[in-house]
Structure formats: structure tokens, C-alpha cells
């Protein structure tokens, strides 16, 4: 019988998922800024037409960043658990 390899501690797994979420936040911010400030998309013009442009922009950027962060955190969680299963 083979000796069992020690798996990563739980704190390392949590840090790996948090790392993925942080990268998702950064990627979401970049995507949101490109979307807003590229004139051919016309998003900035629509934001300026709203009743409160500051709140509209903050809501749009927050929603995009949250989607990217949650998506990448879930992906990181799945990949971390898959890596753990292969080591066992």
C-alpha cells in the first residue's frame, strides 16, 4: 500500500480561492473600464444620459466586477478541489 501524501491545509485552499477571486476583481475592473471608456460601445453616453450618472456608473462597474469575481472564485474552487482529488 502506498503512503498517503499529505493534502494542502485548508488555509492554503482558502487562499487559493481568494487569489482567484482577487484576479477576477482585477479582470472585471479592466473589462468594465474598457467597456465604459471605448466610444464605439456607447456605454459612457448612456451613463451620462441617466438621472444620476455617478450612481449608474458605480452600479454598472460593481455588477461587472462582482460577476467576474464570483465566476473566477467558483472556477478556482472547482480547480482546487479537482487538484485535491487527483492527489488523494
N, C-alpha and C. Protein backbone atom coordinates (compact mmCIF):
# COMPACT_ATOMS: atom_id res chain seq x y z
N UNK A 1 0.82 -1.17 0.00
CA UNK A 1 0.00 0.00 0.00
C UNK A 1 0.88 1.25 0.00
N UNK A 2 0.50 2.21 -0.83
CA UNK A 2 1.27 3.45 -0.92
C UNK A 2 0.98 4.34 0.27
N UNK A 3 2.02 5.04 0.73
CA UNK A 3 1.75 6.01 1.79
C UNK A 3 0.97 7.19 1.23
N UNK A 4 0.09 7.68 2.02
CA UNK A 4 -0.77 8.78 1.59
C UNK A 4 -0.01 10.11 1.66
N UNK A 5 -0.10 10.88 0.56
CA UNK A 5 0.56 12.18 0.54
C UNK A 5 -0.28 13.17 1.34
N UNK A 6 0.36 14.01 2.09
CA UNK A 6 -0.43 15.00 2.84
C UNK A 6 -1.06 16.00 1.89
N UNK A 7 -2.32 16.28 2.11
CA UNK A 7 -3.00 17.25 1.26
C UNK A 7 -2.72 18.66 1.77
N UNK A 8 -3.09 19.64 0.96
CA UNK A 8 -2.88 21.03 1.35
C UNK A 8 -3.73 21.34 2.58
N UNK A 9 -3.21 22.16 3.46
CA UNK A 9 -4.06 22.58 4.59
C UNK A 9 -5.23 23.43 4.09
N UNK A 10 -6.28 23.48 4.88
CA UNK A 10 -7.48 24.22 4.47
C UNK A 10 -7.20 25.69 4.23
N UNK A 11 -6.28 26.25 4.99
CA UNK A 11 -5.97 27.67 4.80
C UNK A 11 -5.34 27.92 3.44
N UNK A 12 -4.57 26.98 2.93
CA UNK A 12 -3.97 27.13 1.61
C UNK A 12 -5.05 27.07 0.53
N UNK A 13 -6.05 26.24 0.75
CA UNK A 13 -7.14 26.14 -0.22
C UNK A 13 -7.96 27.43 -0.24
N UNK A 14 -8.20 27.98 0.94
CA UNK A 14 -8.95 29.23 1.03
C UNK A 14 -8.17 30.36 0.38
N UNK A 15 -6.87 30.40 0.61
CA UNK A 15 -6.04 31.43 -0.02
C UNK A 15 -6.01 31.28 -1.54
N UNK A 16 -6.03 30.04 -2.03
CA UNK A 16 -6.04 29.83 -3.48
C UNK A 16 -7.35 30.35 -4.09
N UNK A 17 -8.46 30.10 -3.42
CA UNK A 17 -9.75 30.59 -3.92
C UNK A 17 -9.82 32.12 -3.81
N UNK A 18 -9.30 32.67 -2.72
CA UNK A 18 -9.28 34.13 -2.57
C UNK A 18 -8.38 34.77 -3.62
N UNK A 19 -7.29 34.11 -3.96
CA UNK A 19 -6.41 34.60 -5.01
C UNK A 19 -7.14 34.64 -6.36
N UNK A 20 -7.89 33.60 -6.65
CA UNK A 20 -8.67 33.57 -7.89
C UNK A 20 -9.71 34.68 -7.90
N UNK A 21 -10.36 34.92 -6.77
CA UNK A 21 -11.36 35.98 -6.69
C UNK A 21 -10.71 37.35 -6.90
N UNK A 22 -9.54 37.56 -6.32
CA UNK A 22 -8.85 38.84 -6.49
C UNK A 22 -8.45 39.06 -7.95
N UNK A 23 -8.03 38.01 -8.61
CA UNK A 23 -7.71 38.15 -10.04
C UNK A 23 -8.97 38.44 -10.84
N UNK A 24 -10.09 37.86 -10.44
CA UNK A 24 -11.35 38.14 -11.10
C UNK A 24 -11.78 39.58 -10.92
N UNK A 25 -11.55 40.14 -9.73
CA UNK A 25 -11.86 41.55 -9.48
C UNK A 25 -11.03 42.43 -10.39
N UNK A 26 -9.74 42.14 -10.48
CA UNK A 26 -8.86 42.94 -11.34
C UNK A 26 -9.27 42.84 -12.81
N UNK A 27 -9.59 41.65 -13.25
CA UNK A 27 -10.00 41.46 -14.64
C UNK A 27 -11.34 42.13 -14.90
N UNK A 28 -12.25 42.06 -13.92
CA UNK A 28 -13.55 42.72 -14.07
C UNK A 28 -13.42 44.23 -14.14
N UNK A 29 -12.52 44.81 -13.34
CA UNK A 29 -12.29 46.25 -13.41
C UNK A 29 -11.74 46.67 -14.77
N UNK A 30 -10.81 45.91 -15.28
CA UNK A 30 -10.25 46.22 -16.60
C UNK A 30 -11.33 46.12 -17.67
N UNK A 31 -12.13 45.07 -17.61
CA UNK A 31 -13.19 44.90 -18.60
C UNK A 31 -14.22 46.03 -18.51
N UNK A 32 -14.59 46.40 -17.29
CA UNK A 32 -15.58 47.47 -17.11
C UNK A 32 -15.05 48.81 -17.63
N UNK A 33 -13.79 49.10 -17.34
CA UNK A 33 -13.22 50.36 -17.81
C UNK A 33 -13.11 50.39 -19.33
N UNK A 34 -12.73 49.28 -19.93
CA UNK A 34 -12.68 49.22 -21.40
C UNK A 34 -14.08 49.40 -21.97
N UNK A 35 -15.06 48.74 -21.38
CA UNK A 35 -16.44 48.84 -21.86
C UNK A 35 -16.97 50.26 -21.74
N UNK A 36 -16.67 50.93 -20.63
CA UNK A 36 -17.22 52.26 -20.40
C UNK A 36 -16.50 53.32 -21.25
N UNK A 37 -15.19 53.24 -21.34
CA UNK A 37 -14.44 54.32 -21.97
C UNK A 37 -14.17 54.13 -23.45
N UNK A 38 -14.59 53.03 -24.06
CA UNK A 38 -14.46 52.86 -25.51
C UNK A 38 -15.69 53.48 -26.18
N UNK A 39 -15.47 54.51 -26.99
CA UNK A 39 -16.63 55.23 -27.56
C UNK A 39 -17.50 54.38 -28.49
N UNK A 40 -16.93 53.39 -29.14
CA UNK A 40 -17.73 52.60 -30.09
C UNK A 40 -18.81 51.76 -29.41
N UNK A 41 -18.65 51.47 -28.11
CA UNK A 41 -19.69 50.73 -27.39
C UNK A 41 -20.85 51.64 -26.99
N UNK A 42 -20.59 52.91 -26.74
CA UNK A 42 -21.63 53.86 -26.40
C UNK A 42 -22.16 53.76 -24.99
N UNK A 43 -21.48 53.05 -24.12
CA UNK A 43 -21.95 52.87 -22.75
C UNK A 43 -21.79 54.18 -21.97
N UNK A 44 -20.70 54.87 -22.19
CA UNK A 44 -20.47 56.13 -21.47
C UNK A 44 -21.55 57.16 -21.81
N UNK A 45 -21.97 57.20 -23.07
CA UNK A 45 -23.03 58.13 -23.46
C UNK A 45 -24.35 57.77 -22.77
N UNK A 46 -24.63 56.50 -22.64
CA UNK A 46 -25.85 56.07 -21.94
C UNK A 46 -25.79 56.40 -20.46
N UNK A 47 -24.62 56.27 -19.88
CA UNK A 47 -24.47 56.60 -18.46
C UNK A 47 -24.69 58.08 -18.25
N UNK A 48 -24.15 58.90 -19.14
CA UNK A 48 -24.30 60.36 -19.00
C UNK A 48 -25.75 60.80 -19.17
N UNK A 49 -26.56 60.02 -19.88
CA UNK A 49 -27.98 60.36 -20.08
C UNK A 49 -28.85 59.98 -18.88
N UNK A 50 -28.31 59.22 -17.93
CA UNK A 50 -29.13 58.77 -16.81
C UNK A 50 -29.36 59.91 -15.83
N UNK A 51 -30.29 59.70 -14.91
CA UNK A 51 -30.64 60.74 -13.93
C UNK A 51 -29.48 61.03 -12.97
N UNK A 52 -28.76 59.98 -12.55
CA UNK A 52 -27.62 60.15 -11.65
C UNK A 52 -26.44 59.35 -12.22
N UNK A 53 -25.61 59.98 -13.06
CA UNK A 53 -24.53 59.25 -13.74
C UNK A 53 -23.52 58.59 -12.80
N UNK A 54 -23.24 59.23 -11.67
CA UNK A 54 -22.25 58.66 -10.74
C UNK A 54 -22.74 57.34 -10.17
N UNK A 55 -23.98 57.31 -9.74
CA UNK A 55 -24.53 56.08 -9.18
C UNK A 55 -24.67 55.01 -10.26
N UNK A 56 -25.07 55.41 -11.45
CA UNK A 56 -25.22 54.46 -12.55
C UNK A 56 -23.89 53.82 -12.90
N UNK A 57 -22.83 54.63 -12.96
CA UNK A 57 -21.51 54.08 -13.29
C UNK A 57 -21.02 53.16 -12.18
N UNK A 58 -21.21 53.56 -10.93
CA UNK A 58 -20.77 52.73 -9.81
C UNK A 58 -21.53 51.40 -9.79
N UNK A 59 -22.82 51.44 -10.09
CA UNK A 59 -23.62 50.22 -10.11
C UNK A 59 -23.19 49.30 -11.24
N UNK A 60 -22.94 49.87 -12.41
CA UNK A 60 -22.51 49.07 -13.56
C UNK A 60 -21.15 48.43 -13.30
N UNK A 61 -20.20 49.22 -12.83
CA UNK A 61 -18.86 48.69 -12.56
C UNK A 61 -18.93 47.65 -11.44
N UNK A 62 -19.69 47.93 -10.40
CA UNK A 62 -19.83 46.97 -9.30
C UNK A 62 -20.43 45.65 -9.75
N UNK A 63 -21.45 45.72 -10.60
CA UNK A 63 -22.08 44.49 -11.09
C UNK A 63 -21.12 43.67 -11.95
N UNK A 64 -20.38 44.34 -12.82
CA UNK A 64 -19.43 43.64 -13.68
C UNK A 64 -18.32 43.01 -12.85
N UNK A 65 -17.78 43.78 -11.91
CA UNK A 65 -16.70 43.27 -11.06
C UNK A 65 -17.19 42.10 -10.23
N UNK A 66 -18.38 42.19 -9.69
CA UNK A 66 -18.93 41.10 -8.88
C UNK A 66 -19.12 39.84 -9.70
N UNK A 67 -19.61 39.98 -10.93
CA UNK A 67 -19.78 38.81 -11.79
C UNK A 67 -18.45 38.13 -12.08
N UNK A 68 -17.44 38.92 -12.41
CA UNK A 68 -16.13 38.35 -12.69
C UNK A 68 -15.53 37.70 -11.44
N UNK A 69 -15.67 38.37 -10.29
CA UNK A 69 -15.08 37.84 -9.06
C UNK A 69 -15.74 36.53 -8.64
N UNK A 70 -17.05 36.48 -8.68
CA UNK A 70 -17.75 35.25 -8.28
C UNK A 70 -17.45 34.13 -9.27
N UNK A 71 -17.45 34.44 -10.55
CA UNK A 71 -17.14 33.42 -11.55
C UNK A 71 -15.74 32.85 -11.40
N UNK A 72 -14.77 33.71 -11.20
CA UNK A 72 -13.41 33.22 -11.06
C UNK A 72 -13.20 32.52 -9.72
N UNK A 73 -13.89 32.96 -8.66
CA UNK A 73 -13.78 32.28 -7.37
C UNK A 73 -14.37 30.87 -7.46
N UNK A 74 -15.51 30.73 -8.11
CA UNK A 74 -16.10 29.40 -8.28
C UNK A 74 -15.21 28.50 -9.14
N UNK A 75 -14.63 29.08 -10.18
CA UNK A 75 -13.71 28.31 -11.01
C UNK A 75 -12.49 27.90 -10.21
N UNK A 76 -11.94 28.82 -9.43
CA UNK A 76 -10.79 28.48 -8.58
C UNK A 76 -11.13 27.41 -7.56
N UNK A 77 -12.34 27.49 -6.99
CA UNK A 77 -12.77 26.47 -6.03
C UNK A 77 -12.84 25.10 -6.70
N UNK A 78 -13.43 25.04 -7.87
CA UNK A 78 -13.55 23.76 -8.58
C UNK A 78 -12.19 23.21 -8.94
N UNK A 79 -11.30 24.06 -9.44
CA UNK A 79 -9.96 23.59 -9.81
C UNK A 79 -9.16 23.16 -8.58
N UNK A 80 -9.32 23.87 -7.47
CA UNK A 80 -8.62 23.48 -6.25
C UNK A 80 -9.12 22.13 -5.74
N UNK A 81 -10.44 21.92 -5.77
CA UNK A 81 -10.98 20.64 -5.32
C UNK A 81 -10.60 19.51 -6.27
N UNK A 82 -10.53 19.81 -7.56
CA UNK A 82 -10.13 18.79 -8.52
C UNK A 82 -8.67 18.40 -8.31
N UNK A 83 -7.83 19.38 -8.02
CA UNK A 83 -6.42 19.12 -7.75
C UNK A 83 -6.26 18.28 -6.49
N UNK A 84 -7.09 18.54 -5.50
CA UNK A 84 -7.04 17.77 -4.26
C UNK A 84 -7.46 16.33 -4.50
N UNK A 85 -8.46 16.12 -5.36
CA UNK A 85 -8.93 14.76 -5.64
C UNK A 85 -7.86 13.95 -6.37
N UNK A 86 -7.10 14.59 -7.24
CA UNK A 86 -6.08 13.86 -8.00
C UNK A 86 -4.92 13.45 -7.11
N UNK A 87 -4.65 14.21 -6.07
CA UNK A 87 -3.53 13.91 -5.18
C UNK A 87 -3.87 12.79 -4.20
N UNK A 88 -5.14 12.56 -3.95
CA UNK A 88 -5.52 11.53 -2.97
C UNK A 88 -5.37 10.15 -3.53
